[in-house]
Amino acid sequence: MAVPALADRSPQPRALPLREVRTRLTQLVSLAELTDTVTVVTRDGDPRPIAAIVPAPAARTGAQARADAERVAAVSAGWARRLEELHRQSGRRHAAELRALTDALAEAWAELDRRAPAGDPALARLKAAHADLLRR
């Protein structure tokens, strides 16, 4: 049984000038397909890359990754707007409930002040604990 040529893959893509790529295109495409080799194409005499021959799954993965990133960004923006609206609603609801609680506490303390004997230390400690709510 033949052993696949995958063991001899190098992590660095090979760079070839355009003139050589033209003459070896079929071979380079087969190499990309069978061994996942990436070939960077450069202009003759210029080391800067101008194109690449990559395996088809790698090219699709890049396109899919961009599409996925755009989709995730759109979904995230929608959720961020929804969460912000829920935060505002919760804040308004909390403020209304706090006002109702503060009003009820003020009424309870007014009634306690009318009925309780003046100078009761337990009542004074309890009133001091509620002082921040009674000031609102």
Protein backbone atom coordinates (compact mmCIF):
# COMPACT_ATOMS: atom_id res chain seq x y z
CA MET A 1 0.00 0.00 0.00
CA ALA A 2 1.32 3.44 -0.89
CA VAL A 3 1.90 6.01 1.82
CA PRO A 4 0.39 9.43 1.10
CA ALA A 5 2.81 12.27 0.45
CA LEU A 6 1.40 14.26 3.40
CA ALA A 7 4.37 13.59 5.67
CA ASP A 8 6.63 15.80 3.61
CA ARG A 9 4.55 19.00 4.01
CA SER A 10 6.42 22.11 5.09
CA PRO A 11 4.69 24.68 7.30
CA GLN A 12 6.05 27.56 5.20
CA PRO A 13 4.34 28.17 1.87
CA ARG A 14 6.67 27.96 -1.09
CA ALA A 15 7.17 31.11 -3.17
CA LEU A 16 7.64 30.89 -6.92
CA PRO A 17 7.94 33.57 -9.59
CA LEU A 18 5.06 33.98 -12.02
CA ARG A 19 7.11 32.67 -14.97
CA GLU A 20 7.71 29.32 -13.19
CA VAL A 21 4.08 29.14 -12.02
CA ARG A 22 2.93 29.49 -15.65
CA THR A 23 4.98 26.51 -16.72
CA ARG A 24 4.11 24.34 -13.68
CA LEU A 25 0.50 25.39 -13.02
CA THR A 26 -1.01 21.92 -13.41
CA GLN A 27 1.62 20.40 -11.12
CA LEU A 28 1.17 23.15 -8.48
CA VAL A 29 -2.63 22.77 -8.52
CA SER A 30 -2.30 19.00 -8.05
CA LEU A 31 0.21 19.58 -5.26
CA ALA A 32 -2.25 21.92 -3.50
CA GLU A 33 -5.09 19.43 -3.92
CA LEU A 34 -3.22 16.33 -2.76
CA THR A 35 -0.88 17.65 -0.06
CA ASP A 36 -2.50 20.94 1.07
CA THR A 37 0.59 22.83 -0.09
CA VAL A 38 0.28 26.60 -0.47
CA THR A 39 2.26 28.22 -3.27
CA VAL A 40 2.76 31.98 -3.16
CA VAL A 41 3.13 33.63 -6.55
CA THR A 42 5.54 36.55 -6.91
CA ARG A 43 6.41 38.79 -9.84
CA ASP A 44 9.64 37.88 -11.58
CA GLY A 45 12.44 39.63 -9.68
CA ASP A 46 10.12 41.00 -6.94
CA PRO A 47 9.77 38.99 -3.69
CA ARG A 48 6.41 40.51 -2.75
CA PRO A 49 3.46 38.10 -3.10
CA ILE A 50 0.79 38.88 -5.70
CA ALA A 51 -1.36 35.73 -5.50
CA ALA A 52 -1.46 32.25 -4.04
CA ILE A 53 -2.45 28.76 -5.05
CA VAL A 54 -4.21 27.23 -2.06
CA PRO A 55 -6.25 24.06 -1.51
CA ALA A 56 -9.96 24.61 -2.16
CA PRO A 57 -11.04 23.82 1.44
CA ALA A 58 -8.67 26.51 2.76
CA ALA A 59 -10.11 29.10 0.35
CA ARG A 60 -13.69 28.18 1.27
CA THR A 61 -12.82 28.32 4.94
CA GLY A 62 -11.55 31.88 4.61
CA ALA A 63 -14.68 32.97 2.75
CA GLN A 64 -16.89 31.15 5.24
CA ALA A 65 -14.99 32.69 8.15
CA ARG A 66 -15.61 36.18 6.76
CA ALA A 67 -19.29 35.39 6.20
CA ASP A 68 -19.55 33.90 9.69
CA ALA A 69 -17.84 36.93 11.22
CA GLU A 70 -20.29 39.27 9.47
CA ARG A 71 -23.25 37.16 10.58
CA VAL A 72 -21.99 37.03 14.17
CA ALA A 73 -21.44 40.79 14.17
CA ALA A 74 -25.00 41.40 12.95
CA VAL A 75 -26.48 38.99 15.50
CA SER A 76 -24.33 40.46 18.29
CA ALA A 77 -25.42 43.98 17.41
CA GLY A 78 -29.06 42.88 17.56
CA TRP A 79 -28.59 41.24 20.94
CA ALA A 80 -26.69 44.27 22.23
CA ARG A 81 -29.60 46.54 21.25
CA ARG A 82 -32.10 44.17 22.88
CA LEU A 83 -30.05 43.92 26.09
CA GLU A 84 -29.69 47.71 26.25
CA GLU A 85 -33.46 48.13 25.92
CA LEU A 86 -34.07 45.52 28.62
CA HIS A 87 -31.55 47.30 30.85
CA ARG A 88 -33.41 50.60 30.41
CA GLN A 89 -36.77 48.94 31.11
CA SER A 90 -35.37 47.22 34.19
CA GLY A 91 -33.91 50.51 35.45
CA ARG A 92 -37.26 52.28 35.06
CA ARG A 93 -39.08 49.41 36.77
CA HIS A 94 -36.53 49.34 39.59
CA ALA A 95 -36.83 53.10 40.12
CA ALA A 96 -40.64 52.86 40.30
CA GLU A 97 -40.50 49.95 42.76
CA LEU A 98 -37.93 51.77 44.88
CA ARG A 99 -40.15 54.86 45.02
CA ALA A 100 -43.13 52.73 46.08
CA LEU A 101 -41.05 51.00 48.75
CA THR A 102 -39.64 54.30 50.03
CA ASP A 103 -43.13 55.81 50.22
CA ALA A 104 -44.46 52.76 52.10
CA LEU A 105 -41.48 52.85 54.50
CA ALA A 106 -42.02 56.57 55.15
CA GLU A 107 -45.68 55.90 55.96
CA ALA A 108 -44.71 53.04 58.29
CA TRP A 109 -42.19 55.24 60.12
CA ALA A 110 -44.70 58.08 60.40
CA GLU A 111 -47.13 55.66 62.03
CA LEU A 112 -44.39 54.27 64.33
CA ASP A 113 -43.40 57.80 65.35
CA ARG A 114 -47.03 58.47 66.34
CA ARG A 115 -47.49 55.21 68.31
CA ALA A 116 -44.05 54.28 69.75
CA PRO A 117 -42.71 55.83 72.94
CA ALA A 118 -40.04 58.47 72.35
CA GLY A 119 -36.42 57.45 73.00
CA ASP A 120 -36.81 53.67 72.38
CA PRO A 121 -33.18 52.53 71.57
CA ALA A 122 -34.26 49.56 69.40
CA LEU A 123 -36.51 51.79 67.35
CA ALA A 124 -33.72 54.38 67.02
CA ARG A 125 -31.29 51.72 65.71
CA LEU A 126 -33.86 50.47 63.20
CA LYS A 127 -34.61 54.00 62.03
CA ALA A 128 -30.86 54.66 61.61
CA ALA A 129 -30.60 51.52 59.44
CA HIS A 130 -33.37 52.87 57.19
CA ALA A 131 -32.03 56.42 57.13
CA ASP A 132 -30.71 56.23 53.56
CA LEU A 133 -34.11 55.07 52.27
CA LEU A 134 -36.01 57.67 54.29
CA ARG A 135 -33.99 60.55 52.77
CA ARG A 136 -35.05 59.82 49.18
